[in-house]
């Protein structure tokens, strides 16, 4: 099994990776600013469901096959980027309506948003396929180790992303008392920025 030194190194590496904002974090921050912590936490749940499916793909040994389907990932990436930019544009055009709406609209699925965004980034799956195996001891149950390491990453990511959600929600509550349009435009800018990040990211 994995020794404690390797496990500690892996956990620290996971924490450092989670600290770097990516498209998922931009969505979590944007929705938390506009709709509160619950919306951001639902985004976190969606991203974790996406991560769980990615780890399942890795365990099943399909990462190499999927990595060869570059055209499919390009389509997913562009669709995801367009989706984020569209959401950001809508938020820019709301013109202060957040004050009238109060909570998140019932038709919005923040869980689905999180799931779509994580799967719109092909680097995430390919990254898992290259990162996790570096900490696996091939002499002792690689399958179990892969699942365990994937679970640790999910725990660290859940904690880190949730902190982003609570911090953004706190900032959003403060801003709504002064200038509600600032909240919407800051949130929209995060979403558009995340979409552009995906659109121009290299595989």
N, C-alpha and C. Protein backbone atom coordinates (compact mmCIF):
# COMPACT_ATOMS: atom_id res chain seq x y z
N UNK A 1 0.84 -1.21 0.00
CA UNK A 1 0.00 0.00 0.00
C UNK A 1 0.87 1.26 0.00
N UNK A 2 0.20 2.42 -0.09
CA UNK A 2 0.92 3.68 -0.15
C UNK A 2 1.47 4.03 1.23
N UNK A 3 2.76 4.43 1.29
CA UNK A 3 3.33 4.81 2.58
C UNK A 3 2.86 6.22 2.95
N UNK A 4 3.02 6.54 4.23
CA UNK A 4 2.48 7.80 4.73
C UNK A 4 3.16 9.02 4.11
N UNK A 5 4.45 8.93 3.83
CA UNK A 5 5.16 10.06 3.23
C UNK A 5 4.61 10.37 1.84
N UNK A 6 4.38 9.32 1.06
CA UNK A 6 3.82 9.51 -0.29
C UNK A 6 2.40 10.05 -0.20
N UNK A 7 1.63 9.54 0.75
CA UNK A 7 0.26 10.00 0.91
C UNK A 7 0.20 11.47 1.29
N UNK A 8 1.11 11.88 2.18
CA UNK A 8 1.17 13.28 2.58
C UNK A 8 1.55 14.16 1.40
N UNK A 9 2.54 13.72 0.63
CA UNK A 9 2.97 14.49 -0.54
C UNK A 9 1.83 14.64 -1.54
N UNK A 10 1.09 13.55 -1.73
CA UNK A 10 -0.03 13.58 -2.66
C UNK A 10 -1.11 14.54 -2.19
N UNK A 11 -1.44 14.52 -0.91
CA UNK A 11 -2.48 15.39 -0.37
C UNK A 11 -2.09 16.86 -0.50
N UNK A 12 -0.82 17.16 -0.22
CA UNK A 12 -0.34 18.53 -0.37
C UNK A 12 -0.43 18.97 -1.83
N UNK A 13 -0.04 18.06 -2.74
CA UNK A 13 -0.12 18.38 -4.17
C UNK A 13 -1.56 18.65 -4.58
N UNK A 14 -2.49 17.85 -4.07
CA UNK A 14 -3.91 18.05 -4.37
C UNK A 14 -4.38 19.43 -3.88
N UNK A 15 -3.97 19.80 -2.67
CA UNK A 15 -4.37 21.09 -2.10
C UNK A 15 -3.84 22.24 -2.95
N UNK A 16 -2.60 22.13 -3.39
CA UNK A 16 -2.02 23.18 -4.22
C UNK A 16 -2.74 23.30 -5.56
N UNK A 17 -3.13 22.17 -6.11
CA UNK A 17 -3.85 22.17 -7.39
C UNK A 17 -5.24 22.79 -7.24
N UNK A 18 -5.91 22.48 -6.14
CA UNK A 18 -7.25 23.00 -5.91
C UNK A 18 -7.22 24.51 -5.70
N UNK A 19 -6.13 25.02 -5.14
CA UNK A 19 -6.02 26.45 -4.87
C UNK A 19 -5.96 27.28 -6.14
N UNK A 20 -5.53 26.66 -7.25
CA UNK A 20 -5.42 27.40 -8.51
C UNK A 20 -6.80 27.47 -9.17
N UNK A 21 -7.36 28.67 -9.33
CA UNK A 21 -8.71 28.78 -9.90
C UNK A 21 -8.75 28.32 -11.35
N UNK A 22 -9.79 27.58 -11.70
CA UNK A 22 -10.03 27.15 -13.06
C UNK A 22 -11.47 27.45 -13.43
N UNK A 23 -11.95 26.89 -14.54
CA UNK A 23 -13.33 27.15 -14.96
C UNK A 23 -14.37 26.78 -13.91
N UNK A 24 -14.17 25.66 -13.23
CA UNK A 24 -15.15 25.24 -12.21
C UNK A 24 -15.23 26.26 -11.08
N UNK A 25 -14.09 26.74 -10.65
CA UNK A 25 -14.07 27.73 -9.56
C UNK A 25 -14.74 29.03 -9.99
N UNK A 26 -14.54 29.43 -11.26
CA UNK A 26 -15.17 30.67 -11.72
C UNK A 26 -16.69 30.56 -11.68
N UNK A 27 -17.22 29.39 -12.02
CA UNK A 27 -18.66 29.18 -11.96
C UNK A 27 -19.16 29.19 -10.52
N UNK A 28 -18.42 28.53 -9.63
CA UNK A 28 -18.79 28.49 -8.22
C UNK A 28 -18.82 29.90 -7.63
N UNK A 29 -17.78 30.69 -7.93
CA UNK A 29 -17.71 32.06 -7.42
C UNK A 29 -18.84 32.91 -7.98
N UNK A 30 -19.07 32.79 -9.29
CA UNK A 30 -20.10 33.62 -9.93
C UNK A 30 -21.48 33.33 -9.34
N UNK A 31 -21.84 32.07 -9.24
CA UNK A 31 -23.16 31.72 -8.72
C UNK A 31 -23.29 32.02 -7.23
N UNK A 32 -22.21 31.87 -6.48
CA UNK A 32 -22.25 32.20 -5.06
C UNK A 32 -22.42 33.68 -4.84
N UNK A 33 -21.76 34.49 -5.67
CA UNK A 33 -21.91 35.94 -5.58
C UNK A 33 -23.35 36.35 -5.84
N UNK A 34 -23.93 35.75 -6.85
CA UNK A 34 -25.26 36.20 -7.26
C UNK A 34 -26.39 35.55 -6.48
N UNK A 35 -26.27 34.25 -6.19
CA UNK A 35 -27.39 33.51 -5.61
C UNK A 35 -27.15 33.02 -4.18
N UNK A 36 -25.93 33.17 -3.68
CA UNK A 36 -25.64 32.72 -2.33
C UNK A 36 -24.87 31.40 -2.28
N UNK A 37 -24.51 31.02 -1.06
CA UNK A 37 -23.65 29.85 -0.86
C UNK A 37 -24.30 28.56 -1.35
N UNK A 38 -25.61 28.44 -1.23
CA UNK A 38 -26.27 27.19 -1.62
C UNK A 38 -26.05 26.89 -3.10
N UNK A 39 -26.17 27.93 -3.94
CA UNK A 39 -25.95 27.73 -5.37
C UNK A 39 -24.52 27.27 -5.63
N UNK A 40 -23.55 27.91 -4.96
CA UNK A 40 -22.16 27.52 -5.14
C UNK A 40 -21.91 26.10 -4.66
N UNK A 41 -22.52 25.72 -3.55
CA UNK A 41 -22.33 24.36 -3.03
C UNK A 41 -22.98 23.32 -3.95
N UNK A 42 -24.07 23.69 -4.61
CA UNK A 42 -24.66 22.78 -5.59
C UNK A 42 -23.73 22.62 -6.80
N UNK A 43 -23.06 23.73 -7.19
CA UNK A 43 -22.03 23.62 -8.22
C UNK A 43 -20.92 22.66 -7.79
N UNK A 44 -20.52 22.77 -6.52
CA UNK A 44 -19.48 21.88 -5.99
C UNK A 44 -19.94 20.42 -6.09
N UNK A 45 -21.20 20.16 -5.74
CA UNK A 45 -21.72 18.80 -5.84
C UNK A 45 -21.67 18.31 -7.29
N UNK A 46 -22.04 19.17 -8.22
CA UNK A 46 -21.99 18.80 -9.63
C UNK A 46 -20.58 18.48 -10.11
N UNK A 47 -19.61 19.30 -9.69
CA UNK A 47 -18.23 19.04 -10.09
C UNK A 47 -17.71 17.75 -9.47
N UNK A 48 -18.13 17.46 -8.24
CA UNK A 48 -17.69 16.22 -7.60
C UNK A 48 -18.29 14.99 -8.28
N UNK A 49 -19.53 15.10 -8.73
CA UNK A 49 -20.12 14.00 -9.50
C UNK A 49 -19.35 13.80 -10.80
N UNK A 50 -18.95 14.91 -11.41
CA UNK A 50 -18.14 14.81 -12.62
C UNK A 50 -16.79 14.18 -12.35
N UNK A 51 -16.15 14.58 -11.25
CA UNK A 51 -14.87 13.99 -10.89
C UNK A 51 -15.00 12.50 -10.61
N UNK A 52 -16.11 12.12 -9.95
CA UNK A 52 -16.32 10.71 -9.64
C UNK A 52 -16.42 9.88 -10.92
N UNK A 53 -17.11 10.41 -11.92
CA UNK A 53 -17.22 9.67 -13.18
C UNK A 53 -15.87 9.61 -13.89
N UNK A 54 -15.08 10.67 -13.77
CA UNK A 54 -13.75 10.66 -14.39
C UNK A 54 -12.85 9.61 -13.74
N UNK A 55 -12.93 9.52 -12.42
CA UNK A 55 -12.12 8.53 -11.71
C UNK A 55 -12.59 7.12 -12.09
N UNK A 56 -13.90 6.95 -12.26
CA UNK A 56 -14.42 5.65 -12.69
C UNK A 56 -13.88 5.28 -14.07
N UNK A 57 -13.81 6.27 -14.96
CA UNK A 57 -13.25 6.03 -16.29
C UNK A 57 -11.79 5.63 -16.19
N UNK A 58 -11.05 6.31 -15.31
CA UNK A 58 -9.64 5.98 -15.11
C UNK A 58 -9.47 4.57 -14.57
N UNK A 59 -10.28 4.20 -13.60
CA UNK A 59 -10.21 2.86 -13.02
C UNK A 59 -10.54 1.80 -14.06
N UNK A 60 -11.48 2.12 -14.94
CA UNK A 60 -11.89 1.17 -15.97
C UNK A 60 -10.84 1.04 -17.08
N UNK A 61 -9.82 1.87 -17.02
CA UNK A 61 -8.76 1.78 -18.02
C UNK A 61 -9.12 2.37 -19.36
N UNK A 62 -10.09 3.29 -19.37
CA UNK A 62 -10.54 3.86 -20.63
C UNK A 62 -9.88 5.19 -20.96
N UNK A 63 -9.02 5.68 -20.05
CA UNK A 63 -8.42 7.00 -20.25
C UNK A 63 -7.62 7.06 -21.54
N UNK A 64 -6.86 5.99 -21.84
CA UNK A 64 -6.04 5.99 -23.04
C UNK A 64 -6.89 6.04 -24.31
N UNK A 65 -8.02 5.32 -24.28
CA UNK A 65 -8.92 5.33 -25.44
C UNK A 65 -9.53 6.70 -25.64
N UNK A 66 -10.02 7.28 -24.53
CA UNK A 66 -10.66 8.58 -24.61
C UNK A 66 -9.67 9.66 -25.01
N UNK A 67 -8.42 9.52 -24.55
CA UNK A 67 -7.40 10.52 -24.89
C UNK A 67 -7.17 10.59 -26.39
N UNK A 68 -7.40 9.48 -27.11
CA UNK A 68 -7.20 9.47 -28.55
C UNK A 68 -8.34 10.13 -29.31
N UNK A 69 -9.46 10.39 -28.62
CA UNK A 69 -10.62 11.00 -29.27
C UNK A 69 -10.57 12.52 -29.11
N UNK A 70 -9.53 13.12 -29.66
CA UNK A 70 -9.31 14.56 -29.50
C UNK A 70 -10.47 15.38 -30.06
N UNK A 71 -11.05 14.93 -31.15
CA UNK A 71 -12.14 15.69 -31.79
C UNK A 71 -13.35 15.79 -30.86
N UNK A 72 -13.63 14.71 -30.12
CA UNK A 72 -14.78 14.72 -29.22
C UNK A 72 -14.55 15.70 -28.08
N UNK A 73 -13.33 15.73 -27.55
CA UNK A 73 -13.05 16.65 -26.46
C UNK A 73 -13.04 18.10 -26.92
N UNK A 74 -12.64 18.32 -28.17
CA UNK A 74 -12.70 19.68 -28.70
C UNK A 74 -14.14 20.16 -28.77
N UNK A 75 -15.05 19.28 -29.18
CA UNK A 75 -16.47 19.64 -29.23
C UNK A 75 -16.99 19.95 -27.83
N UNK A 76 -16.68 19.06 -26.86
CA UNK A 76 -17.11 19.28 -25.49
C UNK A 76 -16.57 20.59 -24.93
N UNK A 77 -15.32 20.87 -25.24
CA UNK A 77 -14.69 22.09 -24.73
C UNK A 77 -15.37 23.34 -25.30
N UNK A 78 -15.64 23.34 -26.60
CA UNK A 78 -16.25 24.51 -27.23
C UNK A 78 -17.69 24.70 -26.74
N UNK A 79 -18.43 23.59 -26.62
CA UNK A 79 -19.80 23.68 -26.11
C UNK A 79 -19.81 24.22 -24.68
N UNK A 80 -18.92 23.71 -23.85
CA UNK A 80 -18.83 24.19 -22.48
C UNK A 80 -18.45 25.65 -22.41
N UNK A 81 -17.51 26.07 -23.25
CA UNK A 81 -17.09 27.47 -23.28
C UNK A 81 -18.24 28.37 -23.70
N UNK A 82 -18.97 27.96 -24.74
CA UNK A 82 -20.10 28.75 -25.21
C UNK A 82 -21.18 28.86 -24.13
N UNK A 83 -21.39 27.78 -23.39
CA UNK A 83 -22.39 27.76 -22.33
C UNK A 83 -22.04 28.78 -21.24
N UNK A 84 -20.77 28.79 -20.82
CA UNK A 84 -20.35 29.72 -19.78
C UNK A 84 -20.45 31.17 -20.26
N UNK A 85 -20.03 31.42 -21.49
CA UNK A 85 -20.10 32.78 -22.02
C UNK A 85 -21.55 33.25 -22.12
N UNK A 86 -22.45 32.35 -22.53
CA UNK A 86 -23.87 32.68 -22.62
C UNK A 86 -24.44 33.03 -21.24
N UNK A 87 -24.07 32.22 -20.22
CA UNK A 87 -24.53 32.52 -18.86
C UNK A 87 -24.01 33.88 -18.39
N UNK A 88 -22.73 34.14 -18.68
CA UNK A 88 -22.14 35.42 -18.28
C UNK A 88 -22.81 36.60 -18.97
N UNK A 89 -23.12 36.43 -20.26
CA UNK A 89 -23.80 37.50 -21.00
C UNK A 89 -25.19 37.77 -20.43
N UNK A 90 -25.91 36.70 -20.10
CA UNK A 90 -27.23 36.86 -19.49
C UNK A 90 -27.12 37.63 -18.17
N UNK A 91 -26.09 37.35 -17.41
CA UNK A 91 -25.93 38.00 -16.12
C UNK A 91 -25.61 39.49 -16.30
N UNK A 92 -24.85 39.81 -17.35
CA UNK A 92 -24.54 41.21 -17.63
C UNK A 92 -25.79 41.98 -18.01
N UNK A 93 -26.77 41.31 -18.63
CA UNK A 93 -27.96 41.98 -19.15
C UNK A 93 -29.11 42.02 -18.14
N UNK A 94 -28.92 41.46 -16.95
CA UNK A 94 -30.03 41.45 -15.99
C UNK A 94 -30.34 42.83 -15.42
N UNK A 95 -29.35 43.73 -15.43
CA UNK A 95 -29.56 45.13 -15.05
C UNK A 95 -30.19 45.30 -13.68
N UNK A 96 -29.60 44.66 -12.70
CA UNK A 96 -30.04 44.86 -11.33
C UNK A 96 -31.25 44.07 -10.89
N UNK A 97 -31.70 43.10 -11.68
CA UNK A 97 -32.90 42.34 -11.34
C UNK A 97 -32.70 41.38 -10.17
N UNK A 98 -31.45 41.19 -9.76
CA UNK A 98 -31.20 40.32 -8.62
C UNK A 98 -31.94 40.82 -7.37
N UNK A 99 -32.04 42.12 -7.24
CA UNK A 99 -32.71 42.68 -6.07
C UNK A 99 -34.19 42.28 -6.03
N UNK A 100 -34.79 42.07 -7.22
CA UNK A 100 -36.19 41.68 -7.27
C UNK A 100 -36.36 40.18 -7.10
N UNK A 101 -35.36 39.39 -7.61
CA UNK A 101 -35.48 37.94 -7.61
C UNK A 101 -35.18 37.32 -6.25
N UNK A 102 -34.19 37.90 -5.57
CA UNK A 102 -33.82 37.38 -4.26
C UNK A 102 -33.03 36.10 -4.36
N UNK A 103 -33.68 34.96 -4.50
CA UNK A 103 -32.98 33.67 -4.52
C UNK A 103 -32.77 33.21 -5.94
N UNK A 104 -32.11 32.07 -6.08
CA UNK A 104 -31.83 31.50 -7.38
C UNK A 104 -33.12 31.03 -8.02
N UNK A 105 -33.26 31.20 -9.36
CA UNK A 105 -34.48 30.74 -10.03
C UNK A 105 -34.60 29.24 -9.97
N UNK A 106 -35.84 28.76 -9.85
CA UNK A 106 -36.06 27.33 -9.66
C UNK A 106 -35.62 26.50 -10.86
N UNK A 107 -35.65 27.11 -12.07
CA UNK A 107 -35.33 26.36 -13.27
C UNK A 107 -33.83 26.13 -13.45
N UNK A 108 -33.02 26.82 -12.67
CA UNK A 108 -31.58 26.71 -12.83
C UNK A 108 -31.05 25.50 -12.07
N UNK A 109 -30.35 24.63 -12.77
CA UNK A 109 -29.74 23.46 -12.12
C UNK A 109 -28.25 23.72 -11.94
N UNK A 110 -27.88 24.15 -10.74
CA UNK A 110 -26.49 24.45 -10.48
C UNK A 110 -25.66 23.16 -10.41
N UNK A 111 -26.29 22.06 -10.02
CA UNK A 111 -25.58 20.78 -10.00
C UNK A 111 -25.20 20.39 -11.42
N UNK A 112 -26.15 20.53 -12.35
CA UNK A 112 -25.87 20.20 -13.75
C UNK A 112 -24.81 21.12 -14.31
N UNK A 113 -24.84 22.39 -13.95
CA UNK A 113 -23.82 23.33 -14.40
C UNK A 113 -22.43 22.84 -14.00
N UNK A 114 -22.29 22.47 -12.73
CA UNK A 114 -20.99 22.00 -12.25
C UNK A 114 -20.52 20.77 -13.00
N UNK A 115 -21.44 19.84 -13.25
CA UNK A 115 -21.10 18.60 -13.96
C UNK A 115 -20.67 18.90 -15.39
N UNK A 116 -21.43 19.77 -16.07
CA UNK A 116 -21.12 20.11 -17.46
C UNK A 116 -19.77 20.79 -17.57
N UNK A 117 -19.49 21.73 -16.65
CA UNK A 117 -18.25 22.49 -16.72
C UNK A 117 -17.03 21.59 -16.51
N UNK A 118 -17.10 20.67 -15.54
CA UNK A 118 -15.94 19.82 -15.29
C UNK A 118 -15.68 18.89 -16.47
N UNK A 119 -16.75 18.41 -17.12
CA UNK A 119 -16.58 17.54 -18.28
C UNK A 119 -16.27 18.32 -19.55
N UNK A 120 -16.47 19.63 -19.52
CA UNK A 120 -16.12 20.47 -20.68
C UNK A 120 -14.63 20.74 -20.75
N UNK A 121 -13.92 20.39 -19.68
CA UNK A 121 -12.48 20.61 -19.62
C UNK A 121 -11.76 19.28 -19.81
N UNK A 122 -11.33 18.95 -21.03
CA UNK A 122 -10.69 17.66 -21.29
C UNK A 122 -9.41 17.45 -20.51
N UNK A 123 -8.78 18.56 -20.09
CA UNK A 123 -7.53 18.43 -19.35
C UNK A 123 -7.73 17.70 -18.02
N UNK A 124 -8.92 17.83 -17.45
CA UNK A 124 -9.16 17.23 -16.14
C UNK A 124 -8.99 15.72 -16.18
N UNK A 125 -9.63 15.06 -17.15
CA UNK A 125 -9.53 13.61 -17.25
C UNK A 125 -8.11 13.18 -17.61
N UNK A 126 -7.51 13.87 -18.57
CA UNK A 126 -6.15 13.51 -18.97
C UNK A 126 -5.17 13.76 -17.82
N UNK A 127 -5.46 14.79 -17.03
CA UNK A 127 -4.61 15.08 -15.88
C UNK A 127 -4.66 13.95 -14.87
N UNK A 128 -5.87 13.48 -14.56
CA UNK A 128 -6.00 12.36 -13.64
C UNK A 128 -5.24 11.15 -14.13
N UNK A 129 -5.31 10.92 -15.44
CA UNK A 129 -4.62 9.76 -16.01
C UNK A 129 -3.12 9.85 -15.89
N UNK A 130 -2.58 11.06 -15.76
CA UNK A 130 -1.13 11.24 -15.66
C UNK A 130 -0.67 11.48 -14.22
N UNK A 131 -1.55 12.10 -13.41
CA UNK A 131 -1.16 12.51 -12.06
C UNK A 131 -1.28 11.39 -11.04
N UNK A 132 -2.44 10.77 -10.95
CA UNK A 132 -2.67 9.76 -9.93
C UNK A 132 -1.72 8.56 -10.04
N UNK A 133 -1.46 8.02 -11.25
CA UNK A 133 -0.58 6.85 -11.33
C UNK A 133 0.82 7.07 -10.78
N UNK A 134 1.26 8.33 -10.69
CA UNK A 134 2.60 8.61 -10.16
C UNK A 134 2.71 8.24 -8.68
N UNK A 135 1.59 8.16 -7.99
CA UNK A 135 1.60 7.87 -6.56
C UNK A 135 1.13 6.45 -6.25
N UNK A 136 0.91 5.67 -7.28
CA UNK A 136 0.43 4.30 -7.11
C UNK A 136 1.61 3.33 -7.07
N UNK A 137 1.60 2.44 -6.08
CA UNK A 137 2.60 1.38 -5.99
C UNK A 137 2.08 0.18 -6.78
N UNK A 138 2.66 -0.12 -7.94
CA UNK A 138 2.14 -1.19 -8.79
C UNK A 138 2.20 -2.57 -8.16
N UNK A 139 2.96 -2.71 -7.08
CA UNK A 139 3.10 -4.02 -6.45
C UNK A 139 1.97 -4.34 -5.48
N UNK A 140 1.12 -3.34 -5.17
CA UNK A 140 0.07 -3.55 -4.18
C UNK A 140 -1.26 -2.96 -4.63
N UNK A 141 -2.14 -3.75 -5.17
CA UNK A 141 -3.53 -3.38 -5.50
C UNK A 141 -3.64 -1.99 -6.16
N UNK A 142 -3.15 -1.83 -7.39
CA UNK A 142 -3.26 -0.53 -8.06
C UNK A 142 -4.68 -0.01 -8.17
N UNK A 143 -5.63 -0.91 -8.36
CA UNK A 143 -7.02 -0.49 -8.50
C UNK A 143 -7.53 0.20 -7.23
N UNK A 144 -7.29 -0.46 -6.09
CA UNK A 144 -7.73 0.10 -4.81
C UNK A 144 -7.02 1.42 -4.53
N UNK A 145 -5.74 1.48 -4.83
CA UNK A 145 -4.98 2.70 -4.61
C UNK A 145 -5.52 3.85 -5.48
N UNK A 146 -5.85 3.55 -6.71
CA UNK A 146 -6.38 4.58 -7.62
C UNK A 146 -7.69 5.14 -7.09
N UNK A 147 -8.57 4.25 -6.64
CA UNK A 147 -9.85 4.70 -6.07
C UNK A 147 -9.61 5.54 -4.82
N UNK A 148 -8.69 5.10 -3.96
CA UNK A 148 -8.41 5.82 -2.72
C UNK A 148 -7.83 7.21 -3.01
N UNK A 149 -6.88 7.26 -3.93
CA UNK A 149 -6.25 8.54 -4.28
C UNK A 149 -7.26 9.48 -4.93
N UNK A 150 -8.12 8.92 -5.77
CA UNK A 150 -9.17 9.74 -6.37
C UNK A 150 -10.11 10.28 -5.32
N UNK A 151 -10.44 9.45 -4.33
CA UNK A 151 -11.31 9.89 -3.24
C UNK A 151 -10.69 11.01 -2.43
N UNK A 152 -9.39 10.91 -2.18
CA UNK A 152 -8.69 11.97 -1.44
C UNK A 152 -8.74 13.28 -2.20
N UNK A 153 -8.51 13.21 -3.51
CA UNK A 153 -8.57 14.43 -4.32
C UNK A 153 -9.96 15.05 -4.25
N UNK A 154 -10.99 14.22 -4.31
CA UNK A 154 -12.36 14.74 -4.24
C UNK A 154 -12.64 15.42 -2.91
N UNK A 155 -12.13 14.85 -1.82
CA UNK A 155 -12.33 15.45 -0.50
C UNK A 155 -11.65 16.81 -0.42
N UNK A 156 -10.40 16.84 -0.88
CA UNK A 156 -9.65 18.11 -0.86
C UNK A 156 -10.34 19.15 -1.74
N UNK A 157 -10.79 18.72 -2.93
CA UNK A 157 -11.46 19.64 -3.85
C UNK A 157 -12.79 20.14 -3.28
N UNK A 158 -13.51 19.26 -2.60
CA UNK A 158 -14.78 19.67 -1.99
C UNK A 158 -14.56 20.74 -0.93
N UNK A 159 -13.55 20.54 -0.10
CA UNK A 159 -13.24 21.53 0.94
C UNK A 159 -12.82 22.86 0.32
N UNK A 160 -11.88 22.80 -0.64
CA UNK A 160 -11.39 24.02 -1.26
C UNK A 160 -12.46 24.78 -2.01
N UNK A 161 -13.24 24.07 -2.82
CA UNK A 161 -14.28 24.73 -3.61
C UNK A 161 -15.39 25.28 -2.72
N UNK A 162 -15.70 24.57 -1.63
CA UNK A 162 -16.72 25.06 -0.71
C UNK A 162 -16.28 26.35 -0.03
N UNK A 163 -15.00 26.44 0.28
CA UNK A 163 -14.48 27.68 0.86
C UNK A 163 -14.63 28.84 -0.11
N UNK A 164 -14.37 28.58 -1.41
CA UNK A 164 -14.60 29.61 -2.42
C UNK A 164 -16.07 30.04 -2.42
N UNK A 165 -16.97 29.06 -2.32
CA UNK A 165 -18.40 29.35 -2.36
C UNK A 165 -18.82 30.23 -1.17
N UNK A 166 -18.37 29.87 0.04
CA UNK A 166 -18.75 30.64 1.22
C UNK A 166 -18.15 32.05 1.19
N UNK A 167 -16.90 32.14 0.73
CA UNK A 167 -16.25 33.45 0.66
C UNK A 167 -16.96 34.36 -0.34
N UNK A 168 -17.28 33.80 -1.51
CA UNK A 168 -17.97 34.60 -2.53
C UNK A 168 -19.37 34.98 -2.08
N UNK A 169 -20.06 34.06 -1.41
CA UNK A 169 -21.41 34.36 -0.92
C UNK A 169 -21.37 35.50 0.09
N UNK A 170 -20.37 35.48 0.97
CA UNK A 170 -20.23 36.56 1.94
C UNK A 170 -19.99 37.90 1.26
N UNK A 171 -19.15 37.88 0.23
CA UNK A 171 -18.89 39.11 -0.51
C UNK A 171 -20.14 39.57 -1.25
N UNK A 172 -20.88 38.61 -1.80
CA UNK A 172 -22.10 38.95 -2.53
C UNK A 172 -23.13 39.62 -1.64
N UNK A 173 -23.29 39.13 -0.40
CA UNK A 173 -24.25 39.74 0.53
C UNK A 173 -23.86 41.17 0.84
N UNK A 174 -22.56 41.41 0.97
CA UNK A 174 -22.10 42.77 1.26
C UNK A 174 -22.37 43.70 0.08
N UNK A 175 -22.08 43.21 -1.13
CA UNK A 175 -22.24 44.05 -2.31
C UNK A 175 -23.70 44.34 -2.62
N UNK A 176 -24.59 43.40 -2.35
CA UNK A 176 -25.98 43.61 -2.72
C UNK A 176 -26.61 44.77 -1.96
N UNK A 177 -26.07 45.11 -0.82
CA UNK A 177 -26.63 46.23 -0.06
C UNK A 177 -26.24 47.57 -0.69
N UNK A 178 -25.20 47.58 -1.46
CA UNK A 178 -24.73 48.84 -2.03
C UNK A 178 -25.09 48.96 -3.52
N UNK A 179 -24.50 48.12 -4.32
CA UNK A 179 -24.74 48.21 -5.77
C UNK A 179 -24.95 46.80 -6.33
N UNK A 180 -26.21 46.46 -6.52
CA UNK A 180 -26.55 45.12 -6.95
C UNK A 180 -26.02 44.82 -8.36
N UNK A 181 -25.93 45.84 -9.19
CA UNK A 181 -25.44 45.62 -10.55
C UNK A 181 -23.98 45.18 -10.57
N UNK A 182 -23.24 45.62 -9.54
CA UNK A 182 -21.83 45.23 -9.47
C UNK A 182 -21.73 43.72 -9.30
N UNK A 183 -22.60 43.16 -8.45
CA UNK A 183 -22.60 41.72 -8.22
C UNK A 183 -22.83 40.97 -9.52
N UNK A 184 -23.84 41.40 -10.27
CA UNK A 184 -24.19 40.72 -11.51
C UNK A 184 -23.07 40.81 -12.52
N UNK A 185 -22.45 41.97 -12.63
CA UNK A 185 -21.42 42.13 -13.65
C UNK A 185 -20.11 41.45 -13.25
N UNK A 186 -19.81 41.45 -11.97
CA UNK A 186 -18.64 40.70 -11.51
C UNK A 186 -18.86 39.21 -11.77
N UNK A 187 -20.06 38.72 -11.45
CA UNK A 187 -20.38 37.32 -11.68
C UNK A 187 -20.33 36.98 -13.16
N UNK A 188 -20.92 37.86 -13.98
CA UNK A 188 -20.91 37.63 -15.42
C UNK A 188 -19.51 37.62 -15.99
N UNK A 189 -18.67 38.49 -15.47
CA UNK A 189 -17.28 38.54 -15.93
C UNK A 189 -16.54 37.25 -15.59
N UNK A 190 -16.78 36.71 -14.39
CA UNK A 190 -16.18 35.42 -14.01
C UNK A 190 -16.60 34.33 -14.98
N UNK A 191 -17.89 34.29 -15.31
CA UNK A 191 -18.40 33.24 -16.19
C UNK A 191 -17.83 33.38 -17.60
N UNK A 192 -17.82 34.60 -18.12
CA UNK A 192 -17.27 34.82 -19.46
C UNK A 192 -15.78 34.50 -19.48
N UNK A 193 -15.08 34.90 -18.41
CA UNK A 193 -13.65 34.59 -18.32
C UNK A 193 -13.40 33.10 -18.31
N UNK A 194 -14.23 32.36 -17.55
CA UNK A 194 -14.09 30.91 -17.53
C UNK A 194 -14.35 30.30 -18.89
N UNK A 195 -15.35 30.85 -19.62
CA UNK A 195 -15.64 30.36 -20.95
C UNK A 195 -14.51 30.61 -21.91
N UNK A 196 -13.92 31.80 -21.86
CA UNK A 196 -12.78 32.11 -22.73
C UNK A 196 -11.58 31.24 -22.38
N UNK A 197 -11.40 30.96 -21.08
CA UNK A 197 -10.30 30.10 -20.65
C UNK A 197 -10.44 28.72 -21.30
N UNK A 198 -11.66 28.19 -21.29
CA UNK A 198 -11.90 26.89 -21.90
C UNK A 198 -11.72 26.95 -23.42
N UNK A 199 -12.24 28.01 -24.02
CA UNK A 199 -12.23 28.10 -25.49
C UNK A 199 -10.80 28.13 -26.05
N UNK A 200 -9.90 28.80 -25.33
CA UNK A 200 -8.55 28.96 -25.85
C UNK A 200 -7.53 28.08 -25.17
N UNK A 201 -7.98 27.21 -24.26
CA UNK A 201 -7.06 26.30 -23.59
C UNK A 201 -6.55 25.25 -24.56
N UNK A 202 -5.29 24.94 -24.45
CA UNK A 202 -4.71 23.88 -25.28
C UNK A 202 -4.94 22.55 -24.61
N UNK A 203 -5.03 21.51 -25.43
CA UNK A 203 -5.18 20.18 -24.88
C UNK A 203 -3.89 19.75 -24.20
